[in-house]
Amino acid sequence: MLAWVPTQRLADELAGAEGVSVEVVVPGGGPLPPSAGSVEFYVPPFFPTAESIAVISALPALRVVQTMTAGVDRLLPHIRPGVLLCNARGVHDASTAEWVMAAILAAVRDIPRFAAEQAARRWSYAPTDCLAGKTVLIVGYGSIGAAVERRLAGFEVEVLRVARTARPGVSPVSDLPAVLPSADVVVLLAPVTPETIGMIDAGVLGRMRDGALLVNAARGSLVVTEALRAELESGRLRAVLDVTDPEPLPPDHPLWSAPGLLITPHVAASTPYSASTAAAFVRAQVLRYRDRQPLDNVISGPY
């Protein structure tokens, strides 16, 4: 069987696997390699381009598309009958949860302001807030949400949980308006679906308590950007965003200068640990496919 992977790291991980041929291919809109007609297992890049997604329809022997991310919203429309789509749920839990913790702590302890004062060579003593005693609401409580909660365990906080599917200890998303006013920190980890796009709009933001912190480690499209900017400009809310809408954020976008905002360029899962975990997962999936075993993380039905 032939697999296309986007990096040499993944190719090296699969080296020596009996019965598996591997090529490093990142489609860029030009002519495809002659092997395109034989590809059965395709891994798009971590940040898939339009060209690397569109090529799915040009691979006649394709049987599996394995993403490097948990989100699959951009690929779903391109998956034809007979092709399995698998995501990387669980692969980036540790790295993303660590970023969430760093984001929360940086914001509540005012680290960006102190960094600016250091750059200006000013010893600007000032007390800060702290995380202890706060209530943290996790919106989209899946494997990453559980990883965040484990890391919150020593910080003396109360954790609230919301997800599409209610279960013991986890409220349904329909309860979000009722629980929002109780939260000091709101962490977004929900997937992109027709229901979640724009879910954090002016009405939802308006229900957050004064001084609350919004942390988005999901996708920028979950938040109505102008509604968030209005709240930031008023000084009522603060935010830390690893994702934005639009993304990348244009240099002249007014969100850059919004007060109370820290932005990182979609780096939560971009760590050596995630890369190593992803490589091991892809290898395991390829070998399961080769051996005709059930694959993990198969996306079936509505995502």
C-alpha atoms as a PDB file:
ATOM      1  CA  MET A   1       0.000   0.000   0.000  1.00  0.00           C
ATOM      2  CA  LEU A   2       1.109   3.584  -0.655  1.00  0.00           C
ATOM      3  CA  ALA A   3       0.814   6.425   1.839  1.00  0.00           C
ATOM      4  CA  TRP A   4       1.385  10.112   1.217  1.00  0.00           C
ATOM      5  CA  VAL A   5       2.592  12.054   4.234  1.00  0.00           C
ATOM      6  CA  PRO A   6       3.431  15.782   4.515  1.00  0.00           C
ATOM      7  CA  THR A   7       6.786  15.638   6.328  1.00  0.00           C
ATOM      8  CA  GLN A   8      10.013  13.663   6.379  1.00  0.00           C
ATOM      9  CA  ARG A   9       9.440  13.144  10.103  1.00  0.00           C
ATOM     10  CA  LEU A  10       6.345  11.076   9.347  1.00  0.00           C
ATOM     11  CA  ALA A  11       8.113   9.239   6.536  1.00  0.00           C
ATOM     12  CA  ASP A  12      10.930   8.313   8.912  1.00  0.00           C
ATOM     13  CA  GLU A  13       8.400   7.078  11.456  1.00  0.00           C
ATOM     14  CA  LEU A  14       6.974   4.707   8.841  1.00  0.00           C
ATOM     15  CA  ALA A  15      10.331   3.598   7.479  1.00  0.00           C
ATOM     16  CA  GLY A  16      10.745  -0.141   7.574  1.00  0.00           C
ATOM     17  CA  ALA A  17       7.047  -0.907   7.929  1.00  0.00           C
ATOM     18  CA  GLU A  18       6.594  -4.078   5.900  1.00  0.00           C
ATOM     19  CA  GLY A  19       4.181  -3.742   3.012  1.00  0.00           C
ATOM     20  CA  VAL A  20       4.027   0.061   3.272  1.00  0.00           C
ATOM     21  CA  SER A  21       5.462   2.484   0.717  1.00  0.00           C
ATOM     22  CA  VAL A  22       5.709   6.122   1.781  1.00  0.00           C
ATOM     23  CA  GLU A  23       6.182   9.338  -0.174  1.00  0.00           C
ATOM     24  CA  VAL A  24       6.481  12.866   1.186  1.00  0.00           C
ATOM     25  CA  VAL A  25       3.986  14.896  -0.855  1.00  0.00           C
ATOM     26  CA  VAL A  26       2.474  18.298  -0.123  1.00  0.00           C
ATOM     27  CA  PRO A  27       0.140  19.145  -3.016  1.00  0.00           C
ATOM     28  CA  GLY A  28       0.553  22.725  -4.116  1.00  0.00           C
ATOM     29  CA  GLY A  29      -1.680  23.012  -7.145  1.00  0.00           C
ATOM     30  CA  GLY A  30       0.830  21.778  -9.718  1.00  0.00           C
ATOM     31  CA  PRO A  31       0.990  18.392 -11.442  1.00  0.00           C
ATOM     32  CA  LEU A  32       0.704  15.462  -9.042  1.00  0.00           C
ATOM     33  CA  PRO A  33       3.357  12.747  -8.869  1.00  0.00           C
ATOM     34  CA  PRO A  34       2.714   9.685 -11.060  1.00  0.00           C
ATOM     35  CA  SER A  35       1.953   7.727  -7.887  1.00  0.00           C
ATOM     36  CA  ALA A  36      -1.275   9.691  -7.321  1.00  0.00           C
ATOM     37  CA  GLY A  37      -3.300   6.873  -8.836  1.00  0.00           C
ATOM     38  CA  SER A  38      -2.058   4.412  -6.209  1.00  0.00           C
ATOM     39  CA  VAL A  39      -2.364   6.400  -2.965  1.00  0.00           C
ATOM     40  CA  GLU A  40      -4.560   4.622  -0.423  1.00  0.00           C
ATOM     41  CA  PHE A  41      -3.655   6.515   2.750  1.00  0.00           C
ATOM     42  CA  TYR A  42      -3.299  10.301   2.717  1.00  0.00           C
ATOM     43  CA  VAL A  43      -2.130  12.597   5.521  1.00  0.00           C
ATOM     44  CA  PRO A  44      -2.656  16.315   4.729  1.00  0.00           C
ATOM     45  CA  PRO A  45      -0.364  18.918   6.303  1.00  0.00           C
ATOM     46  CA  PHE A  46      -1.026  20.095   9.859  1.00  0.00           C
ATOM     47  CA  PHE A  47      -2.250  23.403   8.392  1.00  0.00           C
ATOM     48  CA  PRO A  48      -3.864  22.104   5.192  1.00  0.00           C
ATOM     49  CA  THR A  49      -3.954  24.433   2.217  1.00  0.00           C
ATOM     50  CA  ALA A  50      -6.850  24.564  -0.205  1.00  0.00           C
ATOM     51  CA  GLU A  51      -4.699  22.638  -2.705  1.00  0.00           C
ATOM     52  CA  SER A  52      -3.821  19.895  -0.225  1.00  0.00           C
ATOM     53  CA  ILE A  53      -7.511  19.441   0.558  1.00  0.00           C
ATOM     54  CA  ALA A  54      -8.778  19.572  -3.017  1.00  0.00           C
ATOM     55  CA  VAL A  55      -6.362  16.821  -4.054  1.00  0.00           C
ATOM     56  CA  ILE A  56      -8.490  14.309  -2.130  1.00  0.00           C
ATOM     57  CA  SER A  57     -10.849  14.151  -5.103  1.00  0.00           C
ATOM     58  CA  ALA A  58      -7.929  13.414  -7.459  1.00  0.00           C
ATOM     59  CA  LEU A  59      -6.765  10.221  -5.731  1.00  0.00           C
ATOM     60  CA  PRO A  60      -8.828   7.367  -7.231  1.00  0.00           C
ATOM     61  CA  ALA A  61      -7.456   4.604  -4.979  1.00  0.00           C
ATOM     62  CA  LEU A  62      -7.807   6.624  -1.790  1.00  0.00           C
ATOM     63  CA  ARG A  63      -9.314   4.820   1.196  1.00  0.00           C
ATOM     64  CA  VAL A  64      -8.208   6.834   4.256  1.00  0.00           C
ATOM     65  CA  VAL A  65      -7.648  10.524   4.988  1.00  0.00           C
ATOM     66  CA  GLN A  66      -5.899  10.939   8.329  1.00  0.00           C
ATOM     67  CA  THR A  67      -5.720  14.493   9.658  1.00  0.00           C
ATOM     68  CA  MET A  68      -3.035  15.797  11.996  1.00  0.00           C
ATOM     69  CA  THR A  69      -5.619  17.808  13.905  1.00  0.00           C
ATOM     70  CA  ALA A  70      -8.777  17.111  15.874  1.00  0.00           C
ATOM     71  CA  GLY A  71     -10.730  19.538  13.687  1.00  0.00           C
ATOM     72  CA  VAL A  72     -11.920  18.210  10.328  1.00  0.00           C
ATOM     73  CA  ASP A  73     -14.480  20.828   9.285  1.00  0.00           C
ATOM     74  CA  ARG A  74     -12.548  21.932   6.187  1.00  0.00           C
ATOM     75  CA  LEU A  75     -12.037  18.389   4.924  1.00  0.00           C
ATOM     76  CA  LEU A  76     -15.491  16.935   5.504  1.00  0.00           C
ATOM     77  CA  PRO A  77     -17.059  18.317   2.286  1.00  0.00           C
ATOM     78  CA  HIS A  78     -14.327  16.621   0.226  1.00  0.00           C
ATOM     79  CA  ILE A  79     -14.719  13.085   1.592  1.00  0.00           C
ATOM     80  CA  ARG A  80     -16.505  10.869  -0.911  1.00  0.00           C
ATOM     81  CA  PRO A  81     -18.272   7.571  -0.167  1.00  0.00           C
ATOM     82  CA  GLY A  82     -15.836   4.741   0.434  1.00  0.00           C
ATOM     83  CA  VAL A  83     -13.180   6.994   1.984  1.00  0.00           C
ATOM     84  CA  LEU A  84     -12.685   7.028   5.758  1.00  0.00           C
ATOM     85  CA  LEU A  85     -11.868  10.301   7.479  1.00  0.00           C
ATOM     86  CA  CYS A  86      -9.981  10.002  10.765  1.00  0.00           C
ATOM     87  CA  ASN A  87      -8.957  12.859  13.014  1.00  0.00           C
ATOM     88  CA  ALA A  88      -6.157  13.186  15.566  1.00  0.00           C
ATOM     89  CA  ARG A  89      -8.314  13.384  18.668  1.00  0.00           C
ATOM     90  CA  GLY A  90      -6.127  12.973  21.740  1.00  0.00           C
ATOM     91  CA  VAL A  91      -2.827  13.609  19.970  1.00  0.00           C
ATOM     92  CA  HIS A  92      -2.542  17.270  20.960  1.00  0.00           C
ATOM     93  CA  ASP A  93      -4.264  17.165  24.345  1.00  0.00           C
ATOM     94  CA  ALA A  94      -1.146  17.754  26.431  1.00  0.00           C
ATOM     95  CA  SER A  95       0.281  20.600  24.360  1.00  0.00           C
ATOM     96  CA  THR A  96      -3.031  22.406  23.918  1.00  0.00           C
ATOM     97  CA  ALA A  97      -3.957  22.051  27.581  1.00  0.00           C
ATOM     98  CA  GLU A  98      -0.544  23.420  28.531  1.00  0.00           C
ATOM     99  CA  TRP A  99      -1.103  26.444  26.282  1.00  0.00           C
ATOM    100  CA  VAL A 100      -4.485  27.035  27.915  1.00  0.00           C
ATOM    101  CA  MET A 101      -2.853  27.041  31.340  1.00  0.00           C
ATOM    102  CA  ALA A 102      -0.127  29.400  30.154  1.00  0.00           C
ATOM    103  CA  ALA A 103      -2.739  31.714  28.627  1.00  0.00           C
ATOM    104  CA  ILE A 104      -4.845  31.854  31.773  1.00  0.00           C
ATOM    105  CA  LEU A 105      -1.904  32.439  34.084  1.00  0.00           C
ATOM    106  CA  ALA A 106      -0.317  35.043  31.816  1.00  0.00           C
ATOM    107  CA  ALA A 107      -3.559  37.004  31.747  1.00  0.00           C
ATOM    108  CA  VAL A 108      -4.524  36.828  35.415  1.00  0.00           C
ATOM    109  CA  ARG A 109      -0.964  37.621  36.582  1.00  0.00           C
ATOM    110  CA  ASP A 110      -0.620  40.465  34.036  1.00  0.00           C
ATOM    111  CA  ILE A 111       2.515  39.027  32.429  1.00  0.00           C
ATOM    112  CA  PRO A 112       2.119  40.916  29.090  1.00  0.00           C
ATOM    113  CA  ARG A 113       2.171  44.255  30.933  1.00  0.00           C
ATOM    114  CA  PHE A 114       5.253  43.287  32.918  1.00  0.00           C
ATOM    115  CA  ALA A 115       6.954  42.113  29.699  1.00  0.00           C
ATOM    116  CA  ALA A 116       6.271  45.517  28.146  1.00  0.00           C
ATOM    117  CA  GLU A 117       7.662  47.239  31.241  1.00  0.00           C
ATOM    118  CA  GLN A 118      10.777  45.066  31.076  1.00  0.00           C
ATOM    119  CA  ALA A 119      11.285  46.047  27.435  1.00  0.00           C
ATOM    120  CA  ALA A 120      11.017  49.693  28.515  1.00  0.00           C
ATOM    121  CA  ARG A 121      13.504  49.077  31.394  1.00  0.00           C
ATOM    122  CA  ARG A 122      10.970  50.121  34.025  1.00  0.00           C
ATOM    123  CA  TRP A 123      10.642  48.499  37.463  1.00  0.00           C
ATOM    124  CA  SER A 124       6.883  48.935  37.689  1.00  0.00           C
ATOM    125  CA  TYR A 125       5.662  47.221  40.820  1.00  0.00           C
ATOM    126  CA  ALA A 126       1.926  46.509  40.878  1.00  0.00           C
ATOM    127  CA  PRO A 127      -0.204  43.809  42.511  1.00  0.00           C
ATOM    128  CA  THR A 128      -2.017  41.390  40.211  1.00  0.00           C
ATOM    129  CA  ASP A 129      -4.999  39.088  40.276  1.00  0.00           C
ATOM    130  CA  CYS A 130      -4.540  35.323  40.765  1.00  0.00           C
ATOM    131  CA  LEU A 131      -6.214  32.138  39.571  1.00  0.00           C
ATOM    132  CA  ALA A 132      -6.981  30.720  43.015  1.00  0.00           C
ATOM    133  CA  GLY A 133     -10.626  31.128  43.956  1.00  0.00           C
ATOM    134  CA  LYS A 134     -11.802  31.529  40.370  1.00  0.00           C
ATOM    135  CA  THR A 135     -14.447  29.575  38.451  1.00  0.00           C
ATOM    136  CA  VAL A 136     -13.315  28.184  35.086  1.00  0.00           C
ATOM    137  CA  LEU A 137     -15.899  27.190  32.482  1.00  0.00           C
ATOM    138  CA  ILE A 138     -14.770  24.776  29.769  1.00  0.00           C
ATOM    139  CA  VAL A 139     -16.944  25.020  26.648  1.00  0.00           C
ATOM    140  CA  GLY A 140     -16.528  21.898  24.534  1.00  0.00           C
ATOM    141  CA  TYR A 141     -15.569  19.393  27.206  1.00  0.00           C
ATOM    142  CA  GLY A 142     -13.806  16.581  25.356  1.00  0.00           C
ATOM    143  CA  SER A 143     -10.369  15.039  25.712  1.00  0.00           C
ATOM    144  CA  ILE A 144      -8.581  18.409  25.657  1.00  0.00           C
ATOM    145  CA  GLY A 145     -11.040  19.821  28.166  1.00  0.00           C
ATOM    146  CA  ALA A 146     -10.357  16.896  30.484  1.00  0.00           C
ATOM    147  CA  ALA A 147      -6.617  17.509  30.053  1.00  0.00           C
ATOM    148  CA  VAL A 148      -7.119  21.170  30.986  1.00  0.00           C
ATOM    149  CA  GLU A 149      -9.077  20.188  34.078  1.00  0.00           C
ATOM    150  CA  ARG A 150      -6.317  17.826  35.209  1.00  0.00           C
ATOM    151  CA  ARG A 151      -3.848  20.684  34.991  1.00  0.00           C
ATOM    152  CA  LEU A 152      -6.189  22.979  36.903  1.00  0.00           C
ATOM    153  CA  ALA A 153      -6.413  20.500  39.777  1.00  0.00           C
ATOM    154  CA  GLY A 154      -3.791  22.204  41.940  1.00  0.00           C
ATOM    155  CA  PHE A 155      -4.956  25.782  41.411  1.00  0.00           C
ATOM    156  CA  GLU A 156      -7.876  25.878  43.853  1.00  0.00           C
ATOM    157  CA  VAL A 157     -10.507  26.633  41.246  1.00  0.00           C
ATOM    158  CA  GLU A 158     -14.036  25.459  40.553  1.00  0.00           C
ATOM    159  CA  VAL A 159     -14.500  23.884  37.122  1.00  0.00           C
ATOM    160  CA  LEU A 160     -17.748  24.002  35.143  1.00  0.00           C
ATOM    161  CA  ARG A 161     -18.187  21.917  31.986  1.00  0.00           C
ATOM    162  CA  VAL A 162     -20.389  22.306  28.900  1.00  0.00           C
ATOM    163  CA  ALA A 163     -20.559  20.029  25.862  1.00  0.00           C
ATOM    164  CA  ARG A 164     -22.899  19.044  23.042  1.00  0.00           C
ATOM    165  CA  THR A 165     -23.812  15.873  24.913  1.00  0.00           C
ATOM    166  CA  ALA A 166     -24.842  16.142  28.561  1.00  0.00           C
ATOM    167  CA  ARG A 167     -23.423  13.554  30.943  1.00  0.00           C
ATOM    168  CA  PRO A 168     -22.679  13.370  34.684  1.00  0.00           C
ATOM    169  CA  GLY A 169     -20.808  16.537  35.604  1.00  0.00           C
ATOM    170  CA  VAL A 170     -21.143  18.036  32.105  1.00  0.00           C
ATOM    171  CA  SER A 171     -24.006  20.365  31.194  1.00  0.00           C
ATOM    172  CA  PRO A 172     -25.540  20.531  27.719  1.00  0.00           C
ATOM    173  CA  VAL A 173     -24.595  23.489  25.553  1.00  0.00           C
ATOM    174  CA  SER A 174     -28.154  24.757  25.934  1.00  0.00           C
ATOM    175  CA  ASP A 175     -27.225  25.596  29.546  1.00  0.00           C
ATOM    176  CA  LEU A 176     -24.396  27.911  28.436  1.00  0.00           C
ATOM    177  CA  PRO A 177     -26.366  31.168  28.921  1.00  0.00           C
ATOM    178  CA  ALA A 178     -27.250  30.113  32.458  1.00  0.00           C
ATOM    179  CA  VAL A 179     -23.735  29.133  33.572  1.00  0.00           C
ATOM    180  CA  LEU A 180     -21.776  31.927  31.840  1.00  0.00           C
ATOM    181  CA  PRO A 181     -22.418  34.570  34.524  1.00  0.00           C
ATOM    182  CA  SER A 182     -20.769  32.300  37.114  1.00  0.00           C
ATOM    183  CA  ALA A 183     -17.448  32.006  35.254  1.00  0.00           C
ATOM    184  CA  ASP A 184     -14.340  34.116  35.750  1.00  0.00           C
ATOM    185  CA  VAL A 185     -12.557  32.287  32.914  1.00  0.00           C
ATOM    186  CA  VAL A 186     -14.255  30.828  29.816  1.00  0.00           C
ATOM    187  CA  VAL A 187     -12.150  28.360  27.793  1.00  0.00           C
ATOM    188  CA  LEU A 188     -13.336  27.550  24.250  1.00  0.00           C
ATOM    189  CA  LEU A 189     -12.458  24.067  23.002  1.00  0.00           C
ATOM    190  CA  ALA A 190     -15.525  23.212  20.906  1.00  0.00           C
ATOM    191  CA  PRO A 191     -15.193  21.882  17.341  1.00  0.00           C
ATOM    192  CA  VAL A 192     -16.338  23.843  14.309  1.00  0.00           C
ATOM    193  CA  THR A 193     -19.832  22.771  13.308  1.00  0.00           C
ATOM    194  CA  PRO A 194     -22.779  24.671  11.810  1.00  0.00           C
ATOM    195  CA  GLU A 195     -24.061  25.070  15.384  1.00  0.00           C
ATOM    196  CA  THR A 196     -20.816  26.412  16.882  1.00  0.00           C
ATOM    197  CA  ILE A 197     -19.805  28.926  14.202  1.00  0.00           C
ATOM    198  CA  GLY A 198     -20.449  32.356  15.720  1.00  0.00           C
ATOM    199  CA  MET A 199     -21.777  30.859  18.949  1.00  0.00           C
ATOM    200  CA  ILE A 200     -19.832  33.396  21.013  1.00  0.00           C
ATOM    201  CA  ASP A 201     -21.737  36.440  19.814  1.00  0.00           C
ATOM    202  CA  ALA A 202     -22.652  39.745  21.422  1.00  0.00           C
ATOM    203  CA  GLY A 203     -25.432  38.130  23.427  1.00  0.00           C
ATOM    204  CA  VAL A 204     -23.212  35.416  24.855  1.00  0.00           C
ATOM    205  CA  LEU A 205     -20.357  37.819  25.557  1.00  0.00           C
ATOM    206  CA  GLY A 206     -22.822  40.136  27.243  1.00  0.00           C
ATOM    207  CA  ARG A 207     -23.682  37.402  29.738  1.00  0.00           C
ATOM    208  CA  MET A 208     -20.074  37.026  30.851  1.00  0.00           C
ATOM    209  CA  ARG A 209     -19.343  38.701  34.151  1.00  0.00           C
ATOM    210  CA  ASP A 210     -17.430  41.984  34.264  1.00  0.00           C
ATOM    211  CA  GLY A 211     -13.669  41.394  34.164  1.00  0.00           C
ATOM    212  CA  ALA A 212     -14.014  37.812  32.896  1.00  0.00           C
ATOM    213  CA  LEU A 213     -11.369  36.256  30.646  1.00  0.00           C
ATOM    214  CA  LEU A 214     -12.145  34.508  27.341  1.00  0.00           C
ATOM    215  CA  VAL A 215      -9.554  31.956  26.182  1.00  0.00           C
ATOM    216  CA  ASN A 216      -9.973  30.563  22.653  1.00  0.00           C
ATOM    217  CA  ALA A 217      -7.934  27.469  21.814  1.00  0.00           C
ATOM    218  CA  ALA A 218     -10.540  26.089  19.383  1.00  0.00           C
ATOM    219  CA  ARG A 219     -11.145  28.008  16.142  1.00  0.00           C
ATOM    220  CA  GLY A 220     -11.538  31.696  15.459  1.00  0.00           C
ATOM    221  CA  SER A 221     -14.880  31.215  13.740  1.00  0.00           C
ATOM    222  CA  LEU A 222     -16.540  30.289  17.037  1.00  0.00           C
ATOM    223  CA  VAL A 223     -16.288  33.935  18.118  1.00  0.00           C
ATOM    224  CA  VAL A 224     -17.884  36.937  16.424  1.00  0.00           C
ATOM    225  CA  THR A 225     -14.752  39.067  16.175  1.00  0.00           C
ATOM    226  CA  GLU A 226     -16.402  42.488  16.164  1.00  0.00           C
ATOM    227  CA  ALA A 227     -18.542  41.603  19.173  1.00  0.00           C
ATOM    228  CA  LEU A 228     -15.448  40.541  21.096  1.00  0.00           C
ATOM    229  CA  ARG A 229     -13.543  43.652  20.026  1.00  0.00           C
ATOM    230  CA  ALA A 230     -16.378  45.843  21.299  1.00  0.00           C
ATOM    231  CA  GLU A 231     -16.199  44.188  24.711  1.00  0.00           C
ATOM    232  CA  LEU A 232     -12.415  44.527  24.812  1.00  0.00           C
ATOM    233  CA  GLU A 233     -12.543  48.175  23.789  1.00  0.00           C
ATOM    234  CA  SER A 234     -15.020  48.851  26.579  1.00  0.00           C
ATOM    235  CA  GLY A 235     -12.631  47.295  29.071  1.00  0.00           C
ATOM    236  CA  ARG A 236     -15.307  44.957  30.392  1.00  0.00           C
ATOM    237  CA  LEU A 237     -13.728  41.682  29.196  1.00  0.00           C
ATOM    238  CA  ARG A 238     -10.224  40.363  28.537  1.00  0.00           C
ATOM    239  CA  ALA A 239      -9.147  37.635  26.130  1.00  0.00           C
ATOM    240  CA  VAL A 240      -6.316  35.364  25.058  1.00  0.00           C
ATOM    241  CA  LEU A 241      -6.621  34.028  21.504  1.00  0.00           C
ATOM    242  CA  ASP A 242      -4.559  31.346  19.810  1.00  0.00           C
ATOM    243  CA  VAL A 243      -6.986  31.484  16.878  1.00  0.00           C
ATOM    244  CA  THR A 244      -8.711  34.392  15.180  1.00  0.00           C
ATOM    245  CA  ASP A 245     -11.278  35.169  12.525  1.00  0.00           C
ATOM    246  CA  PRO A 246      -9.870  36.012  10.037  1.00  0.00           C
ATOM    247  CA  GLU A 247      -6.721  33.914  10.308  1.00  0.00           C
ATOM    248  CA  PRO A 248      -3.956  34.792   9.843  1.00  0.00           C
ATOM    249  CA  LEU A 249      -4.910  38.160  11.302  1.00  0.00           C
ATOM    250  CA  PRO A 250      -4.026  40.900   8.759  1.00  0.00           C
ATOM    251  CA  PRO A 251      -1.436  43.443   9.974  1.00  0.00           C
ATOM    252  CA  ASP A 252      -3.956  46.285   9.789  1.00  0.00           C
ATOM    253  CA  HIS A 253      -6.724  44.484  11.666  1.00  0.00           C
ATOM    254  CA  PRO A 254      -7.995  46.506  14.647  1.00  0.00           C
ATOM    255  CA  LEU A 255      -7.961  43.434  16.887  1.00  0.00           C
ATOM    256  CA  TRP A 256      -4.176  43.751  17.177  1.00  0.00           C
ATOM    257  CA  SER A 257      -4.507  46.932  19.207  1.00  0.00           C
ATOM    258  CA  ALA A 258      -7.519  45.943  21.317  1.00  0.00           C
ATOM    259  CA  PRO A 259      -6.858  46.447  25.038  1.00  0.00           C
ATOM    260  CA  GLY A 260      -6.789  43.478  27.366  1.00  0.00           C
ATOM    261  CA  LEU A 261      -5.927  41.060  24.567  1.00  0.00           C
ATOM    262  CA  LEU A 262      -3.027  38.618  24.135  1.00  0.00           C
ATOM    263  CA  ILE A 263      -2.694  36.872  20.750  1.00  0.00           C
ATOM    264  CA  THR A 264      -0.544  33.879  19.820  1.00  0.00           C
ATOM    265  CA  PRO A 265      -0.396  32.682  16.167  1.00  0.00           C
ATOM    266  CA  HIS A 266      -2.155  29.286  16.396  1.00  0.00           C
ATOM    267  CA  VAL A 267       0.730  27.620  18.210  1.00  0.00           C
ATOM    268  CA  ALA A 268      -1.021  25.706  21.014  1.00  0.00           C
ATOM    269  CA  ALA A 269      -0.295  22.295  19.494  1.00  0.00           C
ATOM    270  CA  SER A 270       2.953  23.239  17.732  1.00  0.00           C
ATOM    271  CA  THR A 271       5.390  21.505  20.072  1.00  0.00           C
ATOM    272  CA  PRO A 272       7.952  18.693  19.768  1.00  0.00           C
ATOM    273  CA  TYR A 273       5.789  16.567  22.059  1.00  0.00           C
ATOM    274  CA  SER A 274       2.766  16.933  19.794  1.00  0.00           C
ATOM    275  CA  ALA A 275       4.888  16.179  16.735  1.00  0.00           C
ATOM    276  CA  SER A 276       6.215  13.000  18.330  1.00  0.00           C
ATOM    277  CA  THR A 277       2.762  11.889  19.484  1.00  0.00           C
ATOM    278  CA  ALA A 278       1.275  12.621  16.067  1.00  0.00           C
ATOM    279  CA  ALA A 279       3.968  10.647  14.276  1.00  0.00           C
ATOM    280  CA  ALA A 280       3.407   7.617  16.511  1.00  0.00           C
ATOM    281  CA  PHE A 281      -0.368   7.865  15.994  1.00  0.00           C
ATOM    282  CA  VAL A 282      -0.065   8.070  12.205  1.00  0.00           C
ATOM    283  CA  ARG A 283       2.228   5.039  12.179  1.00  0.00           C
ATOM    284  CA  ALA A 284      -0.256   3.079  14.277  1.00  0.00           C
ATOM    285  CA  GLN A 285      -3.118   4.060  11.962  1.00  0.00           C
ATOM    286  CA  VAL A 286      -1.193   3.075   8.825  1.00  0.00           C
ATOM    287  CA  LEU A 287      -0.341  -0.303  10.325  1.00  0.00           C
ATOM    288  CA  ARG A 288      -3.939  -0.853  11.384  1.00  0.00           C
ATOM    289  CA  TYR A 289      -5.049  -0.090   7.828  1.00  0.00           C
ATOM    290  CA  ARG A 290      -2.387  -2.393   6.373  1.00  0.00           C
ATOM    291  CA  ASP A 291      -3.505  -5.202   8.670  1.00  0.00           C
ATOM    292  CA  ARG A 292      -7.204  -4.576   7.920  1.00  0.00           C
ATOM    293  CA  GLN A 293      -7.913  -3.689  11.544  1.00  0.00           C
ATOM    294  CA  PRO A 294     -10.467  -1.057  12.627  1.00  0.00           C
ATOM    295  CA  LEU A 295      -9.052   2.468  12.589  1.00  0.00           C
ATOM    296  CA  ASP A 296      -9.213   4.845  15.541  1.00  0.00           C
ATOM    297  CA  ASN A 297     -10.960   8.242  15.479  1.00  0.00           C
ATOM    298  CA  VAL A 298     -13.145   7.524  12.455  1.00  0.00           C
ATOM    299  CA  ILE A 299     -15.511  10.437  11.820  1.00  0.00           C
ATOM    300  CA  SER A 300     -18.960   9.137  11.007  1.00  0.00           C
ATOM    301  CA  GLY A 301     -22.169  11.095  10.772  1.00  0.00           C
ATOM    302  CA  PRO A 302     -22.388  14.790  11.704  1.00  0.00           C
ATOM    303  CA  TYR A 303     -19.134  16.062  13.200  1.00  0.00           C
END
